[in-house]
PDB file of N, CA and C in Angstrom:
ATOM      1  N   MET A   1      -7.147 -11.732 -36.121  1.00  0.00           N
ATOM      2  CA  MET A   1      -7.915 -10.658 -35.526  1.00  0.00           C
ATOM      3  C   MET A   1      -7.102  -9.961 -34.423  1.00  0.00           C
ATOM      4  N   HIS A   2      -6.499 -10.773 -33.540  1.00  0.00           N
ATOM      5  CA  HIS A   2      -5.718 -10.196 -32.443  1.00  0.00           C
ATOM      6  C   HIS A   2      -4.496  -9.447 -32.965  1.00  0.00           C
ATOM      7  N   MET A   3      -3.915  -9.941 -34.048  1.00  0.00           N
ATOM      8  CA  MET A   3      -2.734  -9.298 -34.618  1.00  0.00           C
ATOM      9  C   MET A   3      -3.101  -7.924 -35.172  1.00  0.00           C
ATOM     10  N   LYS A   4      -4.309  -7.804 -35.769  1.00  0.00           N
ATOM     11  CA  LYS A   4      -4.742  -6.522 -36.314  1.00  0.00           C
ATOM     12  C   LYS A   4      -4.955  -5.510 -35.189  1.00  0.00           C
ATOM     13  N   ILE A   5      -5.545  -5.968 -34.094  1.00  0.00           N
ATOM     14  CA  ILE A   5      -5.781  -5.067 -32.953  1.00  0.00           C
ATOM     15  C   ILE A   5      -4.445  -4.632 -32.350  1.00  0.00           C
ATOM     16  N   ALA A   6      -3.524  -5.590 -32.175  1.00  0.00           N
ATOM     17  CA  ALA A   6      -2.213  -5.258 -31.610  1.00  0.00           C
ATOM     18  C   ALA A   6      -1.468  -4.294 -32.522  1.00  0.00           C
ATOM     19  N   SER A   7      -1.577  -4.479 -33.851  1.00  0.00           N
ATOM     20  CA  SER A   7      -0.909  -3.575 -34.793  1.00  0.00           C
ATOM     21  C   SER A   7      -1.518  -2.184 -34.725  1.00  0.00           C
ATOM     22  N   ALA A   8      -2.853  -2.112 -34.621  1.00  0.00           N
ATOM     23  CA  ALA A   8      -3.518  -0.813 -34.538  1.00  0.00           C
ATOM     24  C   ALA A   8      -3.112  -0.078 -33.274  1.00  0.00           C
ATOM     25  N   ILE A   9      -3.021  -0.801 -32.163  1.00  0.00           N
ATOM     26  CA  ILE A   9      -2.603  -0.182 -30.901  1.00  0.00           C
ATOM     27  C   ILE A   9      -1.169   0.305 -31.008  1.00  0.00           C
ATOM     28  N   MET A  10      -0.290  -0.498 -31.597  1.00  0.00           N
ATOM     29  CA  MET A  10       1.117  -0.127 -31.742  1.00  0.00           C
ATOM     30  C   MET A  10       1.258   1.139 -32.581  1.00  0.00           C
ATOM     31  N   PHE A  11       0.519   1.207 -33.719  1.00  0.00           N
ATOM     32  CA  PHE A  11       0.591   2.405 -34.559  1.00  0.00           C
ATOM     33  C   PHE A  11       0.030   3.619 -33.826  1.00  0.00           C
ATOM     34  N   GLY A  12      -1.012   3.415 -33.020  1.00  0.00           N
ATOM     35  CA  GLY A  12      -1.582   4.513 -32.241  1.00  0.00           C
ATOM     36  C   GLY A  12      -0.590   5.057 -31.231  1.00  0.00           C
ATOM     37  N   VAL A  13       0.126   4.155 -30.546  1.00  0.00           N
ATOM     38  CA  VAL A  13       1.124   4.571 -29.561  1.00  0.00           C
ATOM     39  C   VAL A  13       2.271   5.307 -30.244  1.00  0.00           C
ATOM     40  N   VAL A  14       2.747   4.772 -31.360  1.00  0.00           N
ATOM     41  CA  VAL A  14       3.834   5.422 -32.095  1.00  0.00           C
ATOM     42  C   VAL A  14       3.367   6.794 -32.577  1.00  0.00           C
ATOM     43  N   GLY A  15       2.113   6.884 -33.032  1.00  0.00           N
ATOM     44  CA  GLY A  15       1.576   8.171 -33.480  1.00  0.00           C
ATOM     45  C   GLY A  15       1.530   9.187 -32.350  1.00  0.00           C
ATOM     46  N   LEU A  16       1.152   8.748 -31.161  1.00  0.00           N
ATOM     47  CA  LEU A  16       1.116   9.652 -30.009  1.00  0.00           C
ATOM     48  C   LEU A  16       2.514  10.114 -29.636  1.00  0.00           C
ATOM     49  N   LEU A  17       3.462   9.207 -29.678  1.00  0.00           N
ATOM     50  CA  LEU A  17       4.837   9.581 -29.347  1.00  0.00           C
ATOM     51  C   LEU A  17       5.384  10.596 -30.338  1.00  0.00           C
ATOM     52  N   VAL A  18       5.122  10.382 -31.611  1.00  0.00           N
ATOM     53  CA  VAL A  18       5.616  11.312 -32.633  1.00  0.00           C
ATOM     54  C   VAL A  18       4.933  12.662 -32.471  1.00  0.00           C
ATOM     55  N   THR A  19       3.627  12.659 -32.211  1.00  0.00           N
ATOM     56  CA  THR A  19       2.890  13.908 -32.023  1.00  0.00           C
ATOM     57  C   THR A  19       3.402  14.650 -30.798  1.00  0.00           C
ATOM     58  N   GLY A  20       3.699  13.928 -29.722  1.00  0.00           N
ATOM     59  CA  GLY A  20       4.188  14.558 -28.496  1.00  0.00           C
ATOM     60  C   GLY A  20       5.545  15.196 -28.670  1.00  0.00           C
ATOM     61  N   CYS A  21       6.336  14.730 -29.610  1.00  0.00           N
ATOM     62  CA  CYS A  21       7.664  15.278 -29.834  1.00  0.00           C
ATOM     63  C   CYS A  21       7.654  16.457 -30.792  1.00  0.00           C
ATOM     64  N   ALA A  22       6.542  16.674 -31.490  1.00  0.00           N
ATOM     65  CA  ALA A  22       6.477  17.788 -32.440  1.00  0.00           C
ATOM     66  C   ALA A  22       6.590  19.111 -31.702  1.00  0.00           C
ATOM     67  N   GLY A  23       7.260  20.056 -32.268  1.00  0.00           N
ATOM     68  CA  GLY A  23       7.380  21.382 -31.645  1.00  0.00           C
ATOM     69  C   GLY A  23       8.476  21.453 -30.604  1.00  0.00           C
ATOM     70  N   GLU A  24       9.255  20.435 -30.417  1.00  0.00           N
ATOM     71  CA  GLU A  24      10.314  20.448 -29.423  1.00  0.00           C
ATOM     72  C   GLU A  24      11.676  20.694 -30.046  1.00  0.00           C
ATOM     73  N   GLY A  25      11.708  21.004 -31.285  1.00  0.00           N
ATOM     74  CA  GLY A  25      12.977  21.219 -31.960  1.00  0.00           C
ATOM     75  C   GLY A  25      13.614  22.530 -31.560  1.00  0.00           C
ATOM     76  N   PRO A  26      14.809  22.821 -32.067  1.00  0.00           N
ATOM     77  CA  PRO A  26      15.520  24.034 -31.681  1.00  0.00           C
ATOM     78  C   PRO A  26      14.823  25.303 -32.183  1.00  0.00           C
ATOM     79  N   ASP A  27      13.924  25.188 -33.170  1.00  0.00           N
ATOM     80  CA  ASP A  27      13.251  26.368 -33.690  1.00  0.00           C
ATOM     81  C   ASP A  27      11.965  26.687 -32.943  1.00  0.00           C
ATOM     82  N   SER A  28      11.552  25.858 -32.002  1.00  0.00           N
ATOM     83  CA  SER A  28      10.286  26.110 -31.308  1.00  0.00           C
ATOM     84  C   SER A  28      10.462  27.221 -30.275  1.00  0.00           C
ATOM     85  N   ASP A  29       9.352  27.859 -29.919  1.00  0.00           N
ATOM     86  CA  ASP A  29       9.377  28.956 -28.944  1.00  0.00           C
ATOM     87  C   ASP A  29       9.810  28.465 -27.568  1.00  0.00           C
ATOM     88  N   ASP A  30       9.411  27.239 -27.190  1.00  0.00           N
ATOM     89  CA  ASP A  30       9.767  26.703 -25.876  1.00  0.00           C
ATOM     90  C   ASP A  30      11.273  26.519 -25.745  1.00  0.00           C
ATOM     91  N   ALA A  31      11.912  26.066 -26.796  1.00  0.00           N
ATOM     92  CA  ALA A  31      13.354  25.842 -26.747  1.00  0.00           C
ATOM     93  C   ALA A  31      14.101  27.160 -26.575  1.00  0.00           C
ATOM     94  N   ALA A  32      13.588  28.232 -27.149  1.00  0.00           N
ATOM     95  CA  ALA A  32      14.246  29.527 -27.038  1.00  0.00           C
ATOM     96  C   ALA A  32      14.119  30.091 -25.622  1.00  0.00           C
ATOM     97  N   ALA A  33      13.006  29.770 -24.947  1.00  0.00           N
ATOM     98  CA  ALA A  33      12.774  30.310 -23.610  1.00  0.00           C
ATOM     99  C   ALA A  33      13.588  29.576 -22.543  1.00  0.00           C
ATOM    100  N   ARG A  34      13.997  28.342 -22.805  1.00  0.00           N
ATOM    101  CA  ARG A  34      14.742  27.551 -21.825  1.00  0.00           C
ATOM    102  C   ARG A  34      16.221  27.542 -22.151  1.00  0.00           C
ATOM    103  N   PRO A  35      17.057  27.712 -21.152  1.00  0.00           N
ATOM    104  CA  PRO A  35      18.484  27.578 -21.411  1.00  0.00           C
ATOM    105  C   PRO A  35      18.820  26.113 -21.702  1.00  0.00           C
ATOM    106  N   ALA A  36      19.875  25.895 -22.455  1.00  0.00           N
ATOM    107  CA  ALA A  36      20.269  24.547 -22.864  1.00  0.00           C
ATOM    108  C   ALA A  36      20.660  23.682 -21.678  1.00  0.00           C
ATOM    109  N   SER A  37      21.105  24.270 -20.574  1.00  0.00           N
ATOM    110  CA  SER A  37      21.554  23.481 -19.424  1.00  0.00           C
ATOM    111  C   SER A  37      20.485  23.371 -18.343  1.00  0.00           C
ATOM    112  N   ALA A  38      19.205  23.439 -18.702  1.00  0.00           N
ATOM    113  CA  ALA A  38      18.127  23.418 -17.716  1.00  0.00           C
ATOM    114  C   ALA A  38      17.711  22.008 -17.323  1.00  0.00           C
ATOM    115  N   ALA A  39      18.486  20.999 -17.667  1.00  0.00           N
ATOM    116  CA  ALA A  39      18.133  19.623 -17.315  1.00  0.00           C
ATOM    117  C   ALA A  39      18.203  19.445 -15.808  1.00  0.00           C
ATOM    118  N   THR A  40      17.224  18.746 -15.257  1.00  0.00           N
ATOM    119  CA  THR A  40      17.176  18.494 -13.829  1.00  0.00           C
ATOM    120  C   THR A  40      17.664  17.085 -13.561  1.00  0.00           C
ATOM    121  N   VAL A  41      18.603  16.950 -12.657  1.00  0.00           N
ATOM    122  CA  VAL A  41      19.114  15.646 -12.286  1.00  0.00           C
ATOM    123  C   VAL A  41      18.439  15.246 -10.987  1.00  0.00           C
ATOM    124  N   LEU A  42      17.767  14.099 -11.008  1.00  0.00           N
ATOM    125  CA  LEU A  42      17.083  13.621  -9.821  1.00  0.00           C
ATOM    126  C   LEU A  42      18.040  12.812  -8.961  1.00  0.00           C
ATOM    127  N   PRO A  43      17.855  12.857  -7.639  1.00  0.00           N
ATOM    128  CA  PRO A  43      18.736  12.067  -6.770  1.00  0.00           C
ATOM    129  C   PRO A  43      18.513  10.584  -7.012  1.00  0.00           C
ATOM    130  N   GLN A  44      19.566   9.807  -6.839  1.00  0.00           N
ATOM    131  CA  GLN A  44      19.497   8.381  -7.085  1.00  0.00           C
ATOM    132  C   GLN A  44      19.113   7.581  -5.844  1.00  0.00           C
ATOM    133  N   LYS A  45      18.989   8.253  -4.706  1.00  0.00           N
ATOM    134  CA  LYS A  45      18.580   7.558  -3.495  1.00  0.00           C
ATOM    135  C   LYS A  45      17.673   8.480  -2.686  1.00  0.00           C
ATOM    136  N   LEU A  46      16.912   7.885  -1.795  1.00  0.00           N
ATOM    137  CA  LEU A  46      16.022   8.662  -0.944  1.00  0.00           C
ATOM    138  C   LEU A  46      16.836   9.400   0.109  1.00  0.00           C
ATOM    139  N   ALA A  47      16.424  10.637   0.406  1.00  0.00           N
ATOM    140  CA  ALA A  47      17.111  11.412   1.437  1.00  0.00           C
ATOM    141  C   ALA A  47      16.936  10.740   2.794  1.00  0.00           C
ATOM    142  N   GLU A  48      15.737  10.201   3.049  1.00  0.00           N
ATOM    143  CA  GLU A  48      15.484   9.450   4.266  1.00  0.00           C
ATOM    144  C   GLU A  48      14.465   8.370   3.955  1.00  0.00           C
ATOM    145  N   PRO A  49      14.508   7.262   4.645  1.00  0.00           N
ATOM    146  CA  PRO A  49      13.579   6.173   4.332  1.00  0.00           C
ATOM    147  C   PRO A  49      12.146   6.584   4.654  1.00  0.00           C
ATOM    148  N   PRO A  50      11.166   5.982   3.963  1.00  0.00           N
ATOM    149  CA  PRO A  50       9.776   6.319   4.251  1.00  0.00           C
ATOM    150  C   PRO A  50       9.406   5.903   5.670  1.00  0.00           C
ATOM    151  N   ALA A  51       8.483   6.626   6.248  1.00  0.00           N
ATOM    152  CA  ALA A  51       8.067   6.340   7.619  1.00  0.00           C
ATOM    153  C   ALA A  51       7.344   5.002   7.673  1.00  0.00           C
ATOM    154  N   MET A  52       7.744   4.188   8.599  1.00  0.00           N
ATOM    155  CA  MET A  52       7.105   2.891   8.791  1.00  0.00           C
ATOM    156  C   MET A  52       6.100   3.011   9.934  1.00  0.00           C
ATOM    157  N   PRO A  53       4.997   2.266   9.843  1.00  0.00           N
ATOM    158  CA  PRO A  53       4.024   2.319  10.933  1.00  0.00           C
ATOM    159  C   PRO A  53       4.661   1.888  12.251  1.00  0.00           C
ATOM    160  N   LYS A  54       4.372   2.631  13.295  1.00  0.00           N
ATOM    161  CA  LYS A  54       4.904   2.287  14.615  1.00  0.00           C
ATOM    162  C   LYS A  54       3.984   1.246  15.240  1.00  0.00           C
ATOM    163  N   GLU A  55       4.593   0.219  15.765  1.00  0.00           N
ATOM    164  CA  GLU A  55       3.831  -0.822  16.452  1.00  0.00           C
ATOM    165  C   GLU A  55       3.406  -0.297  17.817  1.00  0.00           C
ATOM    166  N   GLU A  56       2.123  -0.354  18.072  1.00  0.00           N
ATOM    167  CA  GLU A  56       1.673   0.022  19.403  1.00  0.00           C
ATOM    168  C   GLU A  56       1.762  -1.209  20.283  1.00  0.00           C
ATOM    169  N   PRO A  57       2.066  -1.033  21.548  1.00  0.00           N
ATOM    170  CA  PRO A  57       2.194  -2.200  22.416  1.00  0.00           C
ATOM    171  C   PRO A  57       0.853  -2.938  22.520  1.00  0.00           C
ATOM    172  N   SER A  58       0.922  -4.250  22.592  1.00  0.00           N
ATOM    173  CA  SER A  58      -0.307  -5.034  22.707  1.00  0.00           C
ATOM    174  C   SER A  58      -0.930  -4.792  24.079  1.00  0.00           C
ATOM    175  N   PRO A  59      -2.229  -5.017  24.173  1.00  0.00           N
ATOM    176  CA  PRO A  59      -2.904  -4.794  25.458  1.00  0.00           C
ATOM    177  C   PRO A  59      -2.351  -5.701  26.559  1.00  0.00           C
ATOM    178  N   ALA A  60      -2.590  -5.293  27.779  1.00  0.00           N
ATOM    179  CA  ALA A  60      -2.133  -6.066  28.938  1.00  0.00           C
ATOM    180  C   ALA A  60      -2.826  -7.421  28.963  1.00  0.00           C
ATOM    181  N   ASP A  61      -2.247  -8.350  29.714  1.00  0.00           N
ATOM    182  CA  ASP A  61      -2.812  -9.701  29.810  1.00  0.00           C
ATOM    183  C   ASP A  61      -4.239  -9.699  30.353  1.00  0.00           C
ATOM    184  N   ASP A  62      -4.554  -8.733  31.199  1.00  0.00           N
ATOM    185  CA  ASP A  62      -5.898  -8.686  31.785  1.00  0.00           C
ATOM    186  C   ASP A  62      -6.846  -7.747  31.020  1.00  0.00           C
ATOM    187  N   ALA A  63      -6.500  -7.382  29.790  1.00  0.00           N
ATOM    188  CA  ALA A  63      -7.342  -6.492  28.987  1.00  0.00           C
ATOM    189  C   ALA A  63      -8.651  -7.189  28.625  1.00  0.00           C
ATOM    190  N   THR A  64      -9.682  -6.389  28.467  1.00  0.00           N
ATOM    191  CA  THR A  64     -10.989  -6.946  28.108  1.00  0.00           C
ATOM    192  C   THR A  64     -10.997  -7.358  26.639  1.00  0.00           C
ATOM    193  N   LEU A  65     -11.989  -8.140  26.258  1.00  0.00           N
ATOM    194  CA  LEU A  65     -12.133  -8.554  24.870  1.00  0.00           C
ATOM    195  C   LEU A  65     -12.326  -7.325  23.980  1.00  0.00           C
ATOM    196  N   SER A  66     -13.035  -6.329  24.473  1.00  0.00           N
ATOM    197  CA  SER A  66     -13.254  -5.095  23.718  1.00  0.00           C
ATOM    198  C   SER A  66     -11.932  -4.374  23.450  1.00  0.00           C
ATOM    199  N   GLU A  67     -11.049  -4.297  24.451  1.00  0.00           N
ATOM    200  CA  GLU A  67      -9.742  -3.652  24.280  1.00  0.00           C
ATOM    201  C   GLU A  67      -8.872  -4.424  23.298  1.00  0.00           C
ATOM    202  N   ASN A  68      -8.895  -5.753  23.387  1.00  0.00           N
ATOM    203  CA  ASN A  68      -8.122  -6.576  22.449  1.00  0.00           C
ATOM    204  C   ASN A  68      -8.655  -6.437  21.030  1.00  0.00           C
ATOM    205  N   LEU A  69      -9.964  -6.392  20.886  1.00  0.00           N
ATOM    206  CA  LEU A  69     -10.581  -6.233  19.574  1.00  0.00           C
ATOM    207  C   LEU A  69     -10.218  -4.881  18.968  1.00  0.00           C
ATOM    208  N   ALA A  70     -10.290  -3.819  19.759  1.00  0.00           N
ATOM    209  CA  ALA A  70      -9.931  -2.476  19.279  1.00  0.00           C
ATOM    210  C   ALA A  70      -8.458  -2.437  18.843  1.00  0.00           C
ATOM    211  N   TYR A  71      -7.583  -3.083  19.611  1.00  0.00           N
ATOM    212  CA  TYR A  71      -6.160  -3.138  19.255  1.00  0.00           C
ATOM    213  C   TYR A  71      -5.975  -3.815  17.899  1.00  0.00           C
ATOM    214  N   GLU A  72      -6.597  -4.964  17.712  1.00  0.00           N
ATOM    215  CA  GLU A  72      -6.449  -5.707  16.459  1.00  0.00           C
ATOM    216  C   GLU A  72      -6.989  -4.912  15.274  1.00  0.00           C
ATOM    217  N   LEU A  73      -8.105  -4.222  15.458  1.00  0.00           N
ATOM    218  CA  LEU A  73      -8.682  -3.447  14.357  1.00  0.00           C
ATOM    219  C   LEU A  73      -7.827  -2.226  14.025  1.00  0.00           C
ATOM    220  N   ARG A  74      -7.216  -1.586  15.024  1.00  0.00           N
ATOM    221  CA  ARG A  74      -6.286  -0.475  14.750  1.00  0.00           C
ATOM    222  C   ARG A  74      -5.101  -0.980  13.937  1.00  0.00           C
ATOM    223  N   ARG A  75      -4.574  -2.145  14.338  1.00  0.00           N
ATOM    224  CA  ARG A  75      -3.438  -2.738  13.639  1.00  0.00           C
ATOM    225  C   ARG A  75      -3.808  -3.094  12.197  1.00  0.00           C
ATOM    226  N   LYS A  76      -4.977  -3.673  12.004  1.00  0.00           N
ATOM    227  CA  LYS A  76      -5.409  -4.056  10.656  1.00  0.00           C
ATOM    228  C   LYS A  76      -5.663  -2.828   9.781  1.00  0.00           C
ATOM    229  N   THR A  77      -6.176  -1.765  10.378  1.00  0.00           N
ATOM    230  CA  THR A  77      -6.424  -0.541   9.614  1.00  0.00           C
ATOM    231  C   THR A  77      -5.113   0.048   9.117  1.00  0.00           C
ATOM    232  N   LEU A  78      -4.095   0.106   9.971  1.00  0.00           N
ATOM    233  CA  LEU A  78      -2.781   0.603   9.540  1.00  0.00           C
ATOM    234  C   LEU A  78      -2.171  -0.302   8.479  1.00  0.00           C
ATOM    235  N   ASP A  79      -2.371  -1.590   8.627  1.00  0.00           N
ATOM    236  CA  ASP A  79      -1.844  -2.530   7.643  1.00  0.00           C
ATOM    237  C   ASP A  79      -2.522  -2.303   6.287  1.00  0.00           C
ATOM    238  N   MET A  80      -3.822  -2.051   6.285  1.00  0.00           N
ATOM    239  CA  MET A  80      -4.534  -1.783   5.030  1.00  0.00           C
ATOM    240  C   MET A  80      -4.064  -0.474   4.408  1.00  0.00           C
ATOM    241  N   ALA A  81      -3.792   0.529   5.242  1.00  0.00           N
ATOM    242  CA  ALA A  81      -3.358   1.840   4.737  1.00  0.00           C
ATOM    243  C   ALA A  81      -1.923   1.795   4.226  1.00  0.00           C
ATOM    244  N   LYS A  82      -1.125   0.844   4.690  1.00  0.00           N
ATOM    245  CA  LYS A  82       0.297   0.738   4.309  1.00  0.00           C
ATOM    246  C   LYS A  82       1.026   2.062   4.562  1.00  0.00           C
ATOM    247  N   ALA A  83       0.689   2.684   5.688  1.00  0.00           N
ATOM    248  CA  ALA A  83       1.287   3.975   6.022  1.00  0.00           C
ATOM    249  C   ALA A  83       1.304   4.148   7.534  1.00  0.00           C
ATOM    250  N   ALA A  84       2.071   5.129   7.962  1.00  0.00           N
ATOM    251  CA  ALA A  84       2.125   5.461   9.382  1.00  0.00           C
ATOM    252  C   ALA A  84       1.001   6.428   9.707  1.00  0.00           C
ATOM    253  N   GLY A  85       0.657   6.495  10.954  1.00  0.00           N
ATOM    254  CA  GLY A  85      -0.354   7.448  11.378  1.00  0.00           C
ATOM    255  C   GLY A  85      -1.060   6.957  12.623  1.00  0.00           C
ATOM    256  N   GLU A  86      -1.902   7.811  13.143  1.00  0.00           N
ATOM    257  CA  GLU A  86      -2.645   7.472  14.347  1.00  0.00           C
ATOM    258  C   GLU A  86      -4.014   6.927  13.956  1.00  0.00           C
ATOM    259  N   VAL A  87      -4.386   5.832  14.586  1.00  0.00           N
ATOM    260  CA  VAL A  87      -5.679   5.205  14.347  1.00  0.00           C
ATOM    261  C   VAL A  87      -6.408   5.110  15.681  1.00  0.00           C
ATOM    262  N   THR A  88      -7.658   5.509  15.679  1.00  0.00           N
ATOM    263  CA  THR A  88      -8.483   5.319  16.863  1.00  0.00           C
ATOM    264  C   THR A  88      -9.501   4.233  16.566  1.00  0.00           C
ATOM    265  N   ALA A  89      -9.958   3.554  17.612  1.00  0.00           N
ATOM    266  CA  ALA A  89     -10.948   2.494  17.447  1.00  0.00           C
ATOM    267  C   ALA A  89     -11.981   2.589  18.556  1.00  0.00           C
ATOM    268  N   GLN A  90     -13.222   2.359  18.165  1.00  0.00           N
ATOM    269  CA  GLN A  90     -14.304   2.343  19.151  1.00  0.00           C
ATOM    270  C   GLN A  90     -15.109   1.069  18.950  1.00  0.00           C
ATOM    271  N   CYS A  91     -15.170   0.289  20.029  1.00  0.00           N
ATOM    272  CA  CYS A  91     -15.962  -0.929  20.058  1.00  0.00           C
ATOM    273  C   CYS A  91     -16.878  -0.841  21.273  1.00  0.00           C
ATOM    274  N   PRO A  92     -17.949  -1.637  21.297  1.00  0.00           N
ATOM    275  CA  PRO A  92     -18.796  -1.642  22.496  1.00  0.00           C
ATOM    276  C   PRO A  92     -17.965  -1.978  23.733  1.00  0.00           C
ATOM    277  N   LYS A  93     -18.316  -1.370  24.862  1.00  0.00           N
ATOM    278  CA  LYS A  93     -17.551  -1.592  26.107  1.00  0.00           C
ATOM    279  C   LYS A  93     -17.568  -3.060  26.514  1.00  0.00           C
ATOM    280  N   LYS A  94     -18.713  -3.688  26.371  1.00  0.00           N
ATOM    281  CA  LYS A  94     -18.817  -5.094  26.757  1.00  0.00           C
ATOM    282  C   LYS A  94     -19.087  -5.919  25.515  1.00  0.00           C
ATOM    283  N   VAL A  95     -18.158  -6.817  25.235  1.00  0.00           N
ATOM    284  CA  VAL A  95     -18.298  -7.738  24.116  1.00  0.00           C
ATOM    285  C   VAL A  95     -18.289  -9.140  24.689  1.00  0.00           C
ATOM    286  N   ALA A  96     -19.364  -9.888  24.426  1.00  0.00           N
ATOM    287  CA  ALA A  96     -19.447 -11.256  24.928  1.00  0.00           C
ATOM    288  C   ALA A  96     -18.534 -12.152  24.103  1.00  0.00           C
ATOM    289  N   SER A  97     -17.868 -13.067  24.774  1.00  0.00           N
ATOM    290  CA  SER A  97     -16.960 -13.965  24.071  1.00  0.00           C
ATOM    291  C   SER A  97     -17.682 -15.204  23.555  1.00  0.00           C
ATOM    292  N   LYS A  98     -18.987 -15.212  23.653  1.00  0.00           N
ATOM    293  CA  LYS A  98     -19.808 -16.337  23.200  1.00  0.00           C
ATOM    294  C   LYS A  98     -19.776 -16.429  21.676  1.00  0.00           C
ATOM    295  N   SER A  99     -19.597 -17.637  21.164  1.00  0.00           N
ATOM    296  CA  SER A  99     -19.575 -17.859  19.719  1.00  0.00           C
ATOM    297  C   SER A  99     -20.894 -17.387  19.106  1.00  0.00           C
ATOM    298  N   GLY A 100     -20.783 -16.665  18.001  1.00  0.00           N
ATOM    299  CA  GLY A 100     -21.961 -16.142  17.314  1.00  0.00           C
ATOM    300  C   GLY A 100     -22.281 -14.699  17.675  1.00  0.00           C
ATOM    301  N   THR A 101     -21.579 -14.132  18.656  1.00  0.00           N
ATOM    302  CA  THR A 101     -21.788 -12.732  19.028  1.00  0.00           C
ATOM    303  C   THR A 101     -21.351 -11.836  17.880  1.00  0.00           C
ATOM    304  N   ARG A 102     -22.174 -10.822  17.584  1.00  0.00           N
ATOM    305  CA  ARG A 102     -21.846  -9.879  16.511  1.00  0.00           C
ATOM    306  C   ARG A 102     -21.780  -8.471  17.098  1.00  0.00           C
ATOM    307  N   VAL A 103     -20.713  -7.742  16.761  1.00  0.00           N
ATOM    308  CA  VAL A 103     -20.570  -6.350  17.198  1.00  0.00           C
ATOM    309  C   VAL A 103     -20.077  -5.515  16.015  1.00  0.00           C
ATOM    310  N   THR A 104     -20.287  -4.225  16.119  1.00  0.00           N
ATOM    311  CA  THR A 104     -19.796  -3.288  15.112  1.00  0.00           C
ATOM    312  C   THR A 104     -18.817  -2.347  15.791  1.00  0.00           C
ATOM    313  N   CYS A 105     -17.625  -2.239  15.201  1.00  0.00           N
ATOM    314  CA  CYS A 105     -16.593  -1.335  15.701  1.00  0.00           C
ATOM    315  C   CYS A 105     -16.249  -0.352  14.584  1.00  0.00           C
ATOM    316  N   THR A 106     -15.706   0.786  14.963  1.00  0.00           N
ATOM    317  CA  THR A 106     -15.308   1.793  13.981  1.00  0.00           C
ATOM    318  C   THR A 106     -13.883   2.230  14.261  1.00  0.00           C
ATOM    319  N   THR A 107     -13.043   2.209  13.215  1.00  0.00           N
ATOM    320  CA  THR A 107     -11.704   2.767  13.328  1.00  0.00           C
ATOM    321  C   THR A 107     -11.658   4.035  12.494  1.00  0.00           C
ATOM    322  N   THR A 108     -10.824   4.977  12.903  1.00  0.00           N
ATOM    323  CA  THR A 108     -10.675   6.235  12.181  1.00  0.00           C
ATOM    324  C   THR A 108      -9.202   6.482  11.912  1.00  0.00           C
ATOM    325  N   TYR A 109      -8.886   6.707  10.628  1.00  0.00           N
ATOM    326  CA  TYR A 109      -7.510   6.971  10.198  1.00  0.00           C
ATOM    327  C   TYR A 109      -7.535   8.192   9.293  1.00  0.00           C
ATOM    328  N   LYS A 110      -6.862   9.264   9.706  1.00  0.00           N
ATOM    329  CA  LYS A 110      -6.783  10.511   8.935  1.00  0.00           C
ATOM    330  C   LYS A 110      -8.164  10.984   8.472  1.00  0.00           C
ATOM    331  N   GLY A 111      -9.136  10.913   9.384  1.00  0.00           N
ATOM    332  CA  GLY A 111     -10.483  11.391   9.092  1.00  0.00           C
ATOM    333  C   GLY A 111     -11.373  10.390   8.369  1.00  0.00           C
ATOM    334  N   LEU A 112     -10.827   9.276   7.936  1.00  0.00           N
ATOM    335  CA  LEU A 112     -11.596   8.266   7.233  1.00  0.00           C
ATOM    336  C   LEU A 112     -12.047   7.203   8.227  1.00  0.00           C
ATOM    337  N   GLU A 113     -13.356   6.976   8.291  1.00  0.00           N
ATOM    338  CA  GLU A 113     -13.895   5.974   9.196  1.00  0.00           C
ATOM    339  C   GLU A 113     -14.069   4.647   8.473  1.00  0.00           C
ATOM    340  N   VAL A 114     -13.655   3.590   9.147  1.00  0.00           N
ATOM    341  CA  VAL A 114     -13.830   2.238   8.626  1.00  0.00           C
ATOM    342  C   VAL A 114     -14.711   1.500   9.627  1.00  0.00           C
ATOM    343  N   VAL A 115     -15.837   0.987   9.142  1.00  0.00           N
ATOM    344  CA  VAL A 115     -16.765   0.261  10.003  1.00  0.00           C
ATOM    345  C   VAL A 115     -16.487  -1.230   9.857  1.00  0.00           C
ATOM    346  N   TRP A 116     -16.304  -1.883  10.990  1.00  0.00           N
ATOM    347  CA  TRP A 116     -15.984  -3.306  11.018  1.00  0.00           C
ATOM    348  C   TRP A 116     -17.166  -4.066  11.623  1.00  0.00           C
ATOM    349  N   ASP A 117     -17.699  -5.023  10.907  1.00  0.00           N
ATOM    350  CA  ASP A 117     -18.710  -5.946  11.442  1.00  0.00           C
ATOM    351  C   ASP A 117     -17.950  -7.178  11.899  1.00  0.00           C
ATOM    352  N   VAL A 118     -17.951  -7.412  13.192  1.00  0.00           N
ATOM    353  CA  VAL A 118     -17.144  -8.479  13.763  1.00  0.00           C
ATOM    354  C   VAL A 118     -18.052  -9.587  14.280  1.00  0.00           C
ATOM    355  N   ASN A 119     -17.738 -10.816  13.873  1.00  0.00           N
ATOM    356  CA  ASN A 119     -18.436 -11.995  14.371  1.00  0.00           C
ATOM    357  C   ASN A 119     -17.472 -12.781  15.246  1.00  0.00           C
ATOM    358  N   ILE A 120     -17.870 -13.029  16.495  1.00  0.00           N
ATOM    359  CA  ILE A 120     -17.027 -13.791  17.398  1.00  0.00           C
ATOM    360  C   ILE A 120     -17.215 -15.266  17.058  1.00  0.00           C
ATOM    361  N   GLY A 121     -16.097 -15.938  16.787  1.00  0.00           N
ATOM    362  CA  GLY A 121     -16.155 -17.355  16.400  1.00  0.00           C
ATOM    363  C   GLY A 121     -15.798 -18.285  17.526  1.00  0.00           C
ATOM    364  N   GLU A 122     -15.581 -19.532  17.172  1.00  0.00           N
ATOM    365  CA  GLU A 122     -15.229 -20.587  18.130  1.00  0.00           C
ATOM    366  C   GLU A 122     -13.965 -20.231  18.856  1.00  0.00           C
TER     367      GLU A 122
END
């Protein structure tokens, strides 16, 4: 059964490839409109490396739990995006460090808001 399905898929792919090549011969209208030397050569290396996310400095030693939480969520948002850019974060001004505390923070990256439900643990 699996062999029949694999064979049918293979013939379908070969059929698509053959159909896609039809009309590309020297007698087709497209070939007449394009010069023979119109091939484009792509560069073999990047002109410049892709932009890497910039690490923002960690909060000061005396930063509040809210500031530390906002920093971590900005960092995690950039990590999820796998791209560079500016991220803003808003958390409640006062976050209790008591285990079981729940807060909601929001990060914004390129207009996209990510809502984080944070549970403070042990």
